[in-house]
Amino acid sequence: MTRKQPVFRSLLYTSLAIGTILIAPPRTLGQEEITRKVISKIQPVYPELARSMRIAGTVKLLVDVAPNGAVTNVKVTGGHPLLIVSAEEAVRKWKYAPAPQATTGRVELTFGLAQ
C-alpha cells in the first residue's frame, strides 16, 4: 500500500493542478489604449546598436497603472528585441494622472530612423 500512495498522491496533485489551470478564468487584459492622461512621459533612448543596424519599428507594451498614477507592471507584447529594453525602461518611469482605480492598457512606442 505504501508504494501506491506516493504515485496516487502525485497523480492527484497533478490532476488538481491541471484542473485549476483549465477552470481558472483567464485574466482580462485591457487591449485598448490607456485613456488616462500622462503627466510625465520619458522618451526612450534609441539603442546605438539598433540605430547602427538601421532597425526601426514599434514596441507594444501592456501597462498596469496604479490609482496614484505610477506604472506598476509592464509586459512586452511585441517589438524588435533590440528596442524592447529601452521602451520598457522609459515606460516604467512614466507618471499618469490619478484615477479612482487601477488601469491596464496598451502602449505603443515607435522607433524611427531620422531622415
N, C-alpha and C. Protein backbone atom coordinates (compact mmCIF):
# COMPACT_ATOMS: atom_id res chain seq x y z
N MET A 1 0.81 -1.20 0.00
CA MET A 1 0.00 0.00 0.00
C MET A 1 0.86 1.27 0.00
N THR A 2 1.94 1.28 0.73
CA THR A 2 2.76 2.47 0.80
C THR A 2 3.39 2.81 -0.54
N ARG A 3 3.64 1.83 -1.38
CA ARG A 3 4.21 2.11 -2.70
C ARG A 3 3.20 2.83 -3.58
N LYS A 4 1.94 2.51 -3.46
CA LYS A 4 0.92 3.11 -4.31
C LYS A 4 0.55 4.51 -3.85
N GLN A 5 0.70 4.80 -2.57
CA GLN A 5 0.30 6.11 -2.06
C GLN A 5 1.08 7.25 -2.71
N PRO A 6 2.42 7.19 -2.81
CA PRO A 6 3.12 8.30 -3.46
C PRO A 6 2.70 8.50 -4.92
N VAL A 7 2.47 7.40 -5.64
CA VAL A 7 2.05 7.52 -7.04
C VAL A 7 0.66 8.13 -7.10
N PHE A 8 -0.24 7.65 -6.24
CA PHE A 8 -1.60 8.18 -6.21
C PHE A 8 -1.59 9.66 -5.84
N ARG A 9 -0.80 9.99 -4.83
CA ARG A 9 -0.71 11.39 -4.37
C ARG A 9 -0.17 12.28 -5.49
N SER A 10 0.85 11.80 -6.21
CA SER A 10 1.42 12.55 -7.31
C SER A 10 0.39 12.77 -8.42
N LEU A 11 -0.35 11.72 -8.75
CA LEU A 11 -1.40 11.85 -9.77
C LEU A 11 -2.50 12.81 -9.32
N LEU A 12 -2.84 12.73 -8.05
CA LEU A 12 -3.88 13.61 -7.50
C LEU A 12 -3.45 15.07 -7.61
N TYR A 13 -2.23 15.36 -7.17
CA TYR A 13 -1.74 16.74 -7.23
C TYR A 13 -1.64 17.24 -8.67
N THR A 14 -1.19 16.38 -9.57
CA THR A 14 -1.08 16.76 -10.97
C THR A 14 -2.44 17.06 -11.56
N SER A 15 -3.42 16.21 -11.28
CA SER A 15 -4.77 16.44 -11.82
C SER A 15 -5.40 17.67 -11.22
N LEU A 16 -5.13 17.95 -9.93
CA LEU A 16 -5.65 19.17 -9.33
C LEU A 16 -5.03 20.40 -9.97
N ALA A 17 -3.74 20.36 -10.23
CA ALA A 17 -3.06 21.49 -10.86
C ALA A 17 -3.60 21.74 -12.26
N ILE A 18 -3.77 20.67 -13.03
CA ILE A 18 -4.30 20.81 -14.39
C ILE A 18 -5.74 21.32 -14.34
N GLY A 19 -6.52 20.79 -13.42
CA GLY A 19 -7.91 21.25 -13.28
C GLY A 19 -7.98 22.71 -12.92
N THR A 20 -7.09 23.17 -12.07
CA THR A 20 -7.07 24.58 -11.69
C THR A 20 -6.72 25.45 -12.89
N ILE A 21 -5.78 25.00 -13.69
CA ILE A 21 -5.39 25.77 -14.88
C ILE A 21 -6.55 25.83 -15.88
N LEU A 22 -7.24 24.71 -16.07
CA LEU A 22 -8.33 24.67 -17.04
C LEU A 22 -9.57 25.40 -16.55
N ILE A 23 -9.81 25.40 -15.24
CA ILE A 23 -11.03 26.00 -14.70
C ILE A 23 -10.85 27.49 -14.44
N ALA A 24 -9.65 27.90 -14.06
CA ALA A 24 -9.43 29.29 -13.70
C ALA A 24 -9.71 30.19 -14.89
N PRO A 25 -10.47 31.26 -14.69
CA PRO A 25 -10.76 32.15 -15.81
C PRO A 25 -9.51 32.91 -16.23
N PRO A 26 -9.35 33.17 -17.51
CA PRO A 26 -8.18 33.91 -17.95
C PRO A 26 -8.24 35.35 -17.45
N ARG A 27 -7.08 35.91 -17.16
CA ARG A 27 -7.02 37.30 -16.71
C ARG A 27 -7.44 38.20 -17.87
N THR A 28 -8.33 39.10 -17.59
CA THR A 28 -8.78 40.02 -18.62
C THR A 28 -7.70 41.07 -18.84
N LEU A 29 -7.17 41.11 -20.04
CA LEU A 29 -6.13 42.06 -20.36
C LEU A 29 -6.72 43.20 -21.16
N GLY A 30 -6.52 44.41 -20.69
CA GLY A 30 -7.01 45.57 -21.42
C GLY A 30 -6.18 45.78 -22.66
N GLN A 31 -6.76 45.55 -23.80
CA GLN A 31 -6.03 45.70 -25.06
C GLN A 31 -6.25 47.08 -25.67
N GLU A 32 -7.04 47.90 -25.02
CA GLU A 32 -7.28 49.23 -25.55
C GLU A 32 -6.22 50.20 -25.02
N GLU A 33 -6.11 51.30 -25.70
CA GLU A 33 -5.18 52.34 -25.28
C GLU A 33 -5.58 52.86 -23.91
N ILE A 34 -4.60 53.25 -23.11
CA ILE A 34 -4.89 53.84 -21.81
C ILE A 34 -5.41 55.25 -22.05
N THR A 35 -6.57 55.56 -21.47
CA THR A 35 -7.18 56.87 -21.68
C THR A 35 -6.75 57.89 -20.62
N ARG A 36 -6.07 57.45 -19.60
CA ARG A 36 -5.60 58.37 -18.56
C ARG A 36 -4.52 59.28 -19.14
N LYS A 37 -4.52 60.51 -18.69
CA LYS A 37 -3.54 61.49 -19.15
C LYS A 37 -2.16 61.19 -18.57
N VAL A 38 -1.15 61.26 -19.43
CA VAL A 38 0.22 61.07 -18.99
C VAL A 38 0.73 62.41 -18.49
N ILE A 39 1.13 62.45 -17.22
CA ILE A 39 1.65 63.68 -16.62
C ILE A 39 3.13 63.84 -16.94
N SER A 40 3.86 62.75 -16.88
CA SER A 40 5.30 62.78 -17.13
C SER A 40 5.66 61.62 -18.04
N LYS A 41 6.16 61.94 -19.23
CA LYS A 41 6.49 60.92 -20.23
C LYS A 41 7.97 61.01 -20.57
N ILE A 42 8.68 59.94 -20.28
CA ILE A 42 10.11 59.85 -20.60
C ILE A 42 10.23 59.20 -21.99
N GLN A 43 10.98 59.85 -22.87
CA GLN A 43 11.20 59.29 -24.20
C GLN A 43 12.26 58.19 -24.13
N PRO A 44 12.04 57.08 -24.83
CA PRO A 44 13.05 56.00 -24.80
C PRO A 44 14.31 56.41 -25.54
N VAL A 45 15.43 55.88 -25.09
CA VAL A 45 16.71 56.10 -25.75
C VAL A 45 16.81 55.11 -26.90
N TYR A 46 17.12 55.63 -28.08
CA TYR A 46 17.27 54.74 -29.24
C TYR A 46 18.58 53.98 -29.07
N PRO A 47 18.55 52.67 -28.91
CA PRO A 47 19.79 51.91 -28.71
C PRO A 47 20.76 52.10 -29.87
N GLU A 48 22.00 52.36 -29.55
CA GLU A 48 23.01 52.63 -30.57
C GLU A 48 23.18 51.46 -31.53
N LEU A 49 23.12 50.23 -31.02
CA LEU A 49 23.25 49.05 -31.89
C LEU A 49 22.09 49.00 -32.89
N ALA A 50 20.89 49.27 -32.42
CA ALA A 50 19.72 49.27 -33.31
C ALA A 50 19.84 50.37 -34.36
N ARG A 51 20.32 51.55 -33.93
CA ARG A 51 20.50 52.66 -34.87
C ARG A 51 21.54 52.32 -35.93
N SER A 52 22.66 51.73 -35.49
CA SER A 52 23.71 51.41 -36.45
C SER A 52 23.28 50.31 -37.42
N MET A 53 22.38 49.44 -36.97
CA MET A 53 21.86 48.38 -37.84
C MET A 53 20.63 48.85 -38.62
N ARG A 54 20.26 50.11 -38.43
CA ARG A 54 19.10 50.73 -39.10
C ARG A 54 17.80 49.97 -38.81
N ILE A 55 17.64 49.59 -37.55
CA ILE A 55 16.43 48.89 -37.12
C ILE A 55 15.44 49.91 -36.60
N ALA A 56 14.24 49.87 -37.13
CA ALA A 56 13.16 50.74 -36.70
C ALA A 56 11.94 49.86 -36.45
N GLY A 57 10.97 50.40 -35.74
CA GLY A 57 9.77 49.62 -35.51
C GLY A 57 9.02 50.08 -34.28
N THR A 58 7.95 49.38 -33.98
CA THR A 58 7.08 49.70 -32.85
C THR A 58 7.19 48.61 -31.80
N VAL A 59 7.30 49.05 -30.55
CA VAL A 59 7.29 48.13 -29.41
C VAL A 59 5.92 48.27 -28.76
N LYS A 60 5.24 47.14 -28.59
CA LYS A 60 3.91 47.12 -27.98
C LYS A 60 4.02 46.60 -26.56
N LEU A 61 3.43 47.35 -25.64
CA LEU A 61 3.51 47.02 -24.22
C LEU A 61 2.13 47.01 -23.60
N LEU A 62 1.94 46.14 -22.62
CA LEU A 62 0.74 46.12 -21.81
C LEU A 62 1.14 46.69 -20.47
N VAL A 63 0.51 47.79 -20.06
CA VAL A 63 0.93 48.55 -18.89
C VAL A 63 -0.15 48.55 -17.83
N ASP A 64 0.24 48.27 -16.58
CA ASP A 64 -0.64 48.39 -15.43
C ASP A 64 -0.29 49.67 -14.71
N VAL A 65 -1.32 50.48 -14.43
CA VAL A 65 -1.12 51.76 -13.75
C VAL A 65 -1.93 51.76 -12.46
N ALA A 66 -1.30 52.09 -11.35
CA ALA A 66 -1.95 52.14 -10.04
C ALA A 66 -2.87 53.36 -9.97
N PRO A 67 -3.78 53.38 -9.01
CA PRO A 67 -4.67 54.55 -8.86
C PRO A 67 -3.90 55.86 -8.67
N ASN A 68 -2.71 55.82 -8.05
CA ASN A 68 -1.93 57.05 -7.85
C ASN A 68 -1.20 57.50 -9.11
N GLY A 69 -1.27 56.72 -10.20
CA GLY A 69 -0.65 57.10 -11.47
C GLY A 69 0.69 56.46 -11.75
N ALA A 70 1.22 55.70 -10.81
CA ALA A 70 2.51 55.05 -11.01
C ALA A 70 2.34 53.79 -11.85
N VAL A 71 3.30 53.56 -12.73
CA VAL A 71 3.30 52.33 -13.54
C VAL A 71 3.79 51.20 -12.64
N THR A 72 2.96 50.16 -12.50
CA THR A 72 3.30 49.06 -11.60
C THR A 72 3.82 47.82 -12.32
N ASN A 73 3.46 47.67 -13.59
CA ASN A 73 3.88 46.48 -14.32
C ASN A 73 3.90 46.79 -15.82
N VAL A 74 4.89 46.26 -16.50
CA VAL A 74 5.00 46.41 -17.95
C VAL A 74 5.27 45.04 -18.55
N LYS A 75 4.46 44.65 -19.53
CA LYS A 75 4.64 43.37 -20.21
C LYS A 75 4.77 43.64 -21.70
N VAL A 76 5.81 43.10 -22.31
CA VAL A 76 6.04 43.27 -23.74
C VAL A 76 5.12 42.33 -24.50
N THR A 77 4.39 42.89 -25.48
CA THR A 77 3.53 42.06 -26.32
C THR A 77 3.99 42.02 -27.76
N GLY A 78 5.01 42.82 -28.10
CA GLY A 78 5.54 42.79 -29.45
C GLY A 78 6.63 43.82 -29.66
N GLY A 79 7.47 43.56 -30.64
CA GLY A 79 8.51 44.52 -30.97
C GLY A 79 9.85 43.84 -31.19
N HIS A 80 10.76 44.58 -31.79
CA HIS A 80 12.10 44.05 -32.06
C HIS A 80 12.87 43.93 -30.76
N PRO A 81 13.57 42.80 -30.56
CA PRO A 81 14.31 42.58 -29.31
C PRO A 81 15.33 43.67 -28.96
N LEU A 82 15.92 44.31 -29.96
CA LEU A 82 16.90 45.36 -29.67
C LEU A 82 16.25 46.65 -29.17
N LEU A 83 14.94 46.80 -29.36
CA LEU A 83 14.23 48.01 -28.95
C LEU A 83 13.45 47.84 -27.65
N ILE A 84 13.20 46.60 -27.27
CA ILE A 84 12.31 46.31 -26.14
C ILE A 84 12.81 46.88 -24.82
N VAL A 85 14.06 46.66 -24.48
CA VAL A 85 14.58 47.09 -23.17
C VAL A 85 14.45 48.60 -23.00
N SER A 86 14.81 49.34 -24.02
CA SER A 86 14.73 50.80 -23.96
C SER A 86 13.28 51.26 -23.77
N ALA A 87 12.36 50.64 -24.49
CA ALA A 87 10.94 51.01 -24.37
C ALA A 87 10.41 50.70 -22.97
N GLU A 88 10.74 49.53 -22.45
CA GLU A 88 10.31 49.15 -21.10
C GLU A 88 10.84 50.11 -20.05
N GLU A 89 12.12 50.42 -20.13
CA GLU A 89 12.74 51.31 -19.15
C GLU A 89 12.07 52.69 -19.16
N ALA A 90 11.75 53.20 -20.33
CA ALA A 90 11.12 54.51 -20.43
C ALA A 90 9.71 54.50 -19.84
N VAL A 91 8.90 53.52 -20.22
CA VAL A 91 7.50 53.48 -19.77
C VAL A 91 7.40 53.25 -18.27
N ARG A 92 8.33 52.52 -17.69
CA ARG A 92 8.31 52.31 -16.24
C ARG A 92 8.46 53.62 -15.47
N LYS A 93 9.04 54.64 -16.11
CA LYS A 93 9.25 55.94 -15.47
C LYS A 93 8.10 56.91 -15.71
N TRP A 94 7.13 56.53 -16.54
CA TRP A 94 6.01 57.41 -16.83
C TRP A 94 5.15 57.59 -15.58
N LYS A 95 4.48 58.72 -15.51
CA LYS A 95 3.54 59.01 -14.42
C LYS A 95 2.23 59.45 -15.05
N TYR A 96 1.14 58.80 -14.65
CA TYR A 96 -0.20 59.10 -15.15
C TYR A 96 -0.98 59.91 -14.14
N ALA A 97 -2.05 60.53 -14.59
CA ALA A 97 -2.95 61.26 -13.70
C ALA A 97 -3.63 60.28 -12.75
N PRO A 98 -3.88 60.67 -11.50
CA PRO A 98 -4.57 59.79 -10.56
C PRO A 98 -5.97 59.44 -11.06
N ALA A 99 -6.45 58.27 -10.65
CA ALA A 99 -7.79 57.80 -11.02
C ALA A 99 -8.33 56.98 -9.85
N PRO A 100 -9.65 56.76 -9.83
CA PRO A 100 -10.24 56.01 -8.71
C PRO A 100 -9.79 54.54 -8.63
N GLN A 101 -9.38 53.97 -9.76
CA GLN A 101 -8.97 52.56 -9.75
C GLN A 101 -7.79 52.34 -10.68
N ALA A 102 -7.19 51.16 -10.53
CA ALA A 102 -6.06 50.80 -11.39
C ALA A 102 -6.52 50.65 -12.84
N THR A 103 -5.61 50.85 -13.76
CA THR A 103 -5.90 50.78 -15.18
C THR A 103 -4.89 49.86 -15.86
N THR A 104 -5.36 49.09 -16.82
CA THR A 104 -4.47 48.28 -17.65
C THR A 104 -4.78 48.62 -19.10
N GLY A 105 -3.74 48.85 -19.88
CA GLY A 105 -3.97 49.17 -21.28
C GLY A 105 -2.72 49.05 -22.11
N ARG A 106 -2.88 49.28 -23.37
CA ARG A 106 -1.82 49.11 -24.36
C ARG A 106 -1.09 50.44 -24.60
N VAL A 107 0.21 50.35 -24.72
CA VAL A 107 1.05 51.50 -25.07
C VAL A 107 1.95 51.05 -26.21
N GLU A 108 2.09 51.90 -27.22
CA GLU A 108 2.98 51.60 -28.35
C GLU A 108 4.01 52.72 -28.50
N LEU A 109 5.26 52.34 -28.59
CA LEU A 109 6.34 53.28 -28.80
C LEU A 109 7.00 52.96 -30.14
N THR A 110 7.13 53.97 -30.98
CA THR A 110 7.70 53.78 -32.31
C THR A 110 9.10 54.36 -32.36
N PHE A 111 10.02 53.55 -32.83
CA PHE A 111 11.41 53.97 -33.03
C PHE A 111 11.60 54.12 -34.53
N GLY A 112 12.02 55.31 -34.96
CA GLY A 112 12.23 55.53 -36.38
C GLY A 112 13.58 56.16 -36.62
N LEU A 113 14.14 55.88 -37.78
CA LEU A 113 15.42 56.45 -38.14
C LEU A 113 15.21 57.88 -38.63
N ALA A 114 16.04 58.81 -38.13
CA ALA A 114 15.93 60.21 -38.53
C ALA A 114 16.31 60.35 -40.00
N GLN A 115 15.59 61.20 -40.69
CA GLN A 115 15.84 61.40 -42.12
C GLN A 115 17.05 62.27 -42.32
